[in-house]
């Protein structure tokens, strides 16, 4: 499948899943979830859904378990809203990019604070 079409399919699947999760599922394990990306295989049989979860690692594990058990309902939503040859099987994965970016920001702030010396416009330079 053409890369541009795959990008559009991935985005459409992400939008449908985001909308369905925003409406809320009945599973109490599912907390505050954001769908960050979707990677669909070229034959449309499988889709990796990357999610970020607000909370600690225990909350993340519970939410991923809840999403895994709700994949049938979510797949049915995709089948209902999108006209695809096949409805992909969903596999949910935690997207740690938010955690990594927060860690990098923290390190940069700490490093910037320790090197804060006189600036180019200060009288000491």
C-alpha atoms as a PDB file:
ATOM      1  CA  UNK A   1       0.000   0.000   0.000  1.00  0.00           C
ATOM      2  CA  UNK A   2       1.266   3.492  -0.759  1.00  0.00           C
ATOM      3  CA  UNK A   3       2.915   5.295   2.177  1.00  0.00           C
ATOM      4  CA  UNK A   4       0.535   8.237   1.871  1.00  0.00           C
ATOM      5  CA  UNK A   5      -2.501   5.955   2.050  1.00  0.00           C
ATOM      6  CA  UNK A   6      -1.054   4.132   5.069  1.00  0.00           C
ATOM      7  CA  UNK A   7      -0.521   7.459   6.802  1.00  0.00           C
ATOM      8  CA  UNK A   8      -4.182   8.365   6.180  1.00  0.00           C
ATOM      9  CA  UNK A   9      -5.375   4.941   7.385  1.00  0.00           C
ATOM     10  CA  UNK A  10      -3.261   5.218  10.543  1.00  0.00           C
ATOM     11  CA  UNK A  11      -4.612   8.690  11.246  1.00  0.00           C
ATOM     12  CA  UNK A  12      -8.223   7.606  10.639  1.00  0.00           C
ATOM     13  CA  UNK A  13      -7.851   4.636  12.993  1.00  0.00           C
ATOM     14  CA  UNK A  14      -6.247   6.906  15.607  1.00  0.00           C
ATOM     15  CA  UNK A  15      -9.139   9.381  15.357  1.00  0.00           C
ATOM     16  CA  UNK A  16     -11.800   6.668  15.695  1.00  0.00           C
ATOM     17  CA  UNK A  17     -10.068   5.125  18.705  1.00  0.00           C
ATOM     18  CA  UNK A  18      -9.531   8.521  20.338  1.00  0.00           C
ATOM     19  CA  UNK A  19     -13.197   9.404  19.907  1.00  0.00           C
ATOM     20  CA  UNK A  20     -14.356   6.052  21.259  1.00  0.00           C
ATOM     21  CA  UNK A  21     -12.060   6.325  24.295  1.00  0.00           C
ATOM     22  CA  UNK A  22     -13.218   9.901  24.910  1.00  0.00           C
ATOM     23  CA  UNK A  23     -16.827   8.661  24.993  1.00  0.00           C
ATOM     24  CA  UNK A  24     -15.740   6.214  27.656  1.00  0.00           C
ATOM     25  CA  UNK A  25     -15.763   2.447  27.927  1.00  0.00           C
ATOM     26  CA  UNK A  26     -17.474   0.482  30.659  1.00  0.00           C
ATOM     27  CA  UNK A  27     -14.228  -1.087  31.898  1.00  0.00           C
ATOM     28  CA  UNK A  28     -13.294   0.648  35.181  1.00  0.00           C
ATOM     29  CA  UNK A  29      -9.611  -0.230  34.709  1.00  0.00           C
ATOM     30  CA  UNK A  30      -9.257   2.210  31.835  1.00  0.00           C
ATOM     31  CA  UNK A  31      -8.042   5.554  33.118  1.00  0.00           C
ATOM     32  CA  UNK A  32      -7.132   8.739  31.278  1.00  0.00           C
ATOM     33  CA  UNK A  33      -5.733   7.509  27.948  1.00  0.00           C
ATOM     34  CA  UNK A  34      -4.406   9.386  24.922  1.00  0.00           C
ATOM     35  CA  UNK A  35      -3.835   7.586  21.632  1.00  0.00           C
ATOM     36  CA  UNK A  36      -0.517   8.968  20.424  1.00  0.00           C
ATOM     37  CA  UNK A  37       0.056   6.926  17.257  1.00  0.00           C
ATOM     38  CA  UNK A  38      -1.147   3.951  15.239  1.00  0.00           C
ATOM     39  CA  UNK A  39       0.982   1.743  13.000  1.00  0.00           C
ATOM     40  CA  UNK A  40      -1.089  -0.457  10.701  1.00  0.00           C
ATOM     41  CA  UNK A  41       0.460  -3.332   8.751  1.00  0.00           C
ATOM     42  CA  UNK A  42       0.300  -3.009   4.980  1.00  0.00           C
ATOM     43  CA  UNK A  43      -2.208  -5.883   4.719  1.00  0.00           C
ATOM     44  CA  UNK A  44      -4.483  -4.168   7.320  1.00  0.00           C
ATOM     45  CA  UNK A  45      -4.528  -7.271   9.507  1.00  0.00           C
ATOM     46  CA  UNK A  46      -2.738  -5.794  12.533  1.00  0.00           C
ATOM     47  CA  UNK A  47      -2.454  -2.378  14.140  1.00  0.00           C
ATOM     48  CA  UNK A  48      -0.139  -1.326  16.943  1.00  0.00           C
ATOM     49  CA  UNK A  49      -1.846   1.375  18.978  1.00  0.00           C
ATOM     50  CA  UNK A  50       0.490   3.514  21.075  1.00  0.00           C
ATOM     51  CA  UNK A  51      -1.114   5.119  24.110  1.00  0.00           C
ATOM     52  CA  UNK A  52       0.020   7.360  26.926  1.00  0.00           C
ATOM     53  CA  UNK A  53      -1.605   6.939  30.314  1.00  0.00           C
ATOM     54  CA  UNK A  54      -1.870   9.491  33.085  1.00  0.00           C
ATOM     55  CA  UNK A  55      -0.734   7.897  36.334  1.00  0.00           C
ATOM     56  CA  UNK A  56       1.889   5.588  37.765  1.00  0.00           C
ATOM     57  CA  UNK A  57       3.080   2.249  36.401  1.00  0.00           C
ATOM     58  CA  UNK A  58       0.332   0.351  38.234  1.00  0.00           C
ATOM     59  CA  UNK A  59      -2.326   2.565  36.652  1.00  0.00           C
ATOM     60  CA  UNK A  60      -0.637   2.092  33.270  1.00  0.00           C
ATOM     61  CA  UNK A  61      -0.689  -1.713  33.613  1.00  0.00           C
ATOM     62  CA  UNK A  62      -4.368  -1.725  34.634  1.00  0.00           C
ATOM     63  CA  UNK A  63      -5.277   0.556  31.724  1.00  0.00           C
ATOM     64  CA  UNK A  64      -3.384  -1.571  29.180  1.00  0.00           C
ATOM     65  CA  UNK A  65      -5.127  -4.691  30.515  1.00  0.00           C
ATOM     66  CA  UNK A  66      -8.493  -2.936  30.230  1.00  0.00           C
ATOM     67  CA  UNK A  67      -7.747  -1.832  26.675  1.00  0.00           C
ATOM     68  CA  UNK A  68      -6.665  -5.344  25.714  1.00  0.00           C
ATOM     69  CA  UNK A  69      -9.927  -6.781  27.024  1.00  0.00           C
ATOM     70  CA  UNK A  70     -11.939  -4.051  25.240  1.00  0.00           C
ATOM     71  CA  UNK A  71     -10.240  -4.508  21.872  1.00  0.00           C
ATOM     72  CA  UNK A  72     -13.304  -6.211  20.371  1.00  0.00           C
ATOM     73  CA  UNK A  73     -15.559  -3.248  21.106  1.00  0.00           C
ATOM     74  CA  UNK A  74     -12.948  -0.857  19.729  1.00  0.00           C
ATOM     75  CA  UNK A  75     -12.438  -2.975  16.589  1.00  0.00           C
ATOM     76  CA  UNK A  76     -16.181  -2.991  16.008  1.00  0.00           C
ATOM     77  CA  UNK A  77     -16.134   0.808  16.215  1.00  0.00           C
ATOM     78  CA  UNK A  78     -13.398   0.954  13.599  1.00  0.00           C
ATOM     79  CA  UNK A  79     -15.326  -1.446  11.329  1.00  0.00           C
ATOM     80  CA  UNK A  80     -18.486   0.635  11.726  1.00  0.00           C
ATOM     81  CA  UNK A  81     -16.876   4.001  10.964  1.00  0.00           C
ATOM     82  CA  UNK A  82     -14.183   3.176   8.394  1.00  0.00           C
ATOM     83  CA  UNK A  83     -14.596   1.417   5.090  1.00  0.00           C
ATOM     84  CA  UNK A  84     -11.552  -0.849   5.035  1.00  0.00           C
ATOM     85  CA  UNK A  85     -10.993  -4.184   3.330  1.00  0.00           C
ATOM     86  CA  UNK A  86     -10.168  -5.669   6.735  1.00  0.00           C
ATOM     87  CA  UNK A  87     -10.502  -4.423  10.270  1.00  0.00           C
ATOM     88  CA  UNK A  88      -7.094  -4.670  11.946  1.00  0.00           C
ATOM     89  CA  UNK A  89      -6.534  -6.602  15.134  1.00  0.00           C
ATOM     90  CA  UNK A  90      -5.532  -4.085  17.788  1.00  0.00           C
ATOM     91  CA  UNK A  91      -2.433  -4.426  19.938  1.00  0.00           C
ATOM     92  CA  UNK A  92      -2.021  -1.752  22.607  1.00  0.00           C
ATOM     93  CA  UNK A  93       1.447  -0.579  23.637  1.00  0.00           C
ATOM     94  CA  UNK A  94       2.536   2.041  26.109  1.00  0.00           C
ATOM     95  CA  UNK A  95       4.176   5.058  24.460  1.00  0.00           C
ATOM     96  CA  UNK A  96       6.978   6.190  26.749  1.00  0.00           C
ATOM     97  CA  UNK A  97       7.941   9.200  24.606  1.00  0.00           C
ATOM     98  CA  UNK A  98       6.148  11.561  27.018  1.00  0.00           C
ATOM     99  CA  UNK A  99       8.123  10.133  29.945  1.00  0.00           C
ATOM    100  CA  UNK A 100      11.386  10.425  28.007  1.00  0.00           C
ATOM    101  CA  UNK A 101      10.704  14.031  26.985  1.00  0.00           C
ATOM    102  CA  UNK A 102       9.866  14.989  30.591  1.00  0.00           C
ATOM    103  CA  UNK A 103      13.106  13.344  31.752  1.00  0.00           C
ATOM    104  CA  UNK A 104      15.130  15.213  29.112  1.00  0.00           C
ATOM    105  CA  UNK A 105      13.485  18.516  30.102  1.00  0.00           C
ATOM    106  CA  UNK A 106      14.270  17.816  33.746  1.00  0.00           C
ATOM    107  CA  UNK A 107      17.914  17.089  32.939  1.00  0.00           C
ATOM    108  CA  UNK A 108      18.217  20.195  30.775  1.00  0.00           C
ATOM    109  CA  UNK A 109      16.727  22.392  33.497  1.00  0.00           C
ATOM    110  CA  UNK A 110      19.049  20.913  36.094  1.00  0.00           C
ATOM    111  CA  UNK A 111      22.078  21.319  33.808  1.00  0.00           C
ATOM    112  CA  UNK A 112      21.057  24.844  32.838  1.00  0.00           C
ATOM    113  CA  UNK A 113      20.669  25.830  36.475  1.00  0.00           C
ATOM    114  CA  UNK A 114      24.109  24.545  37.438  1.00  0.00           C
ATOM    115  CA  UNK A 115      25.818  26.395  34.581  1.00  0.00           C
ATOM    116  CA  UNK A 116      24.003  29.673  35.132  1.00  0.00           C
ATOM    117  CA  UNK A 117      26.877  32.082  35.263  1.00  0.00           C
ATOM    118  CA  UNK A 118      27.213  35.676  34.172  1.00  0.00           C
ATOM    119  CA  UNK A 119      25.541  36.262  30.831  1.00  0.00           C
ATOM    120  CA  UNK A 120      27.047  38.095  27.862  1.00  0.00           C
ATOM    121  CA  UNK A 121      25.439  41.389  28.926  1.00  0.00           C
ATOM    122  CA  UNK A 122      26.456  41.263  32.592  1.00  0.00           C
ATOM    123  CA  UNK A 123      29.216  43.561  33.944  1.00  0.00           C
ATOM    124  CA  UNK A 124      31.381  40.598  34.956  1.00  0.00           C
ATOM    125  CA  UNK A 125      31.937  39.419  31.389  1.00  0.00           C
END
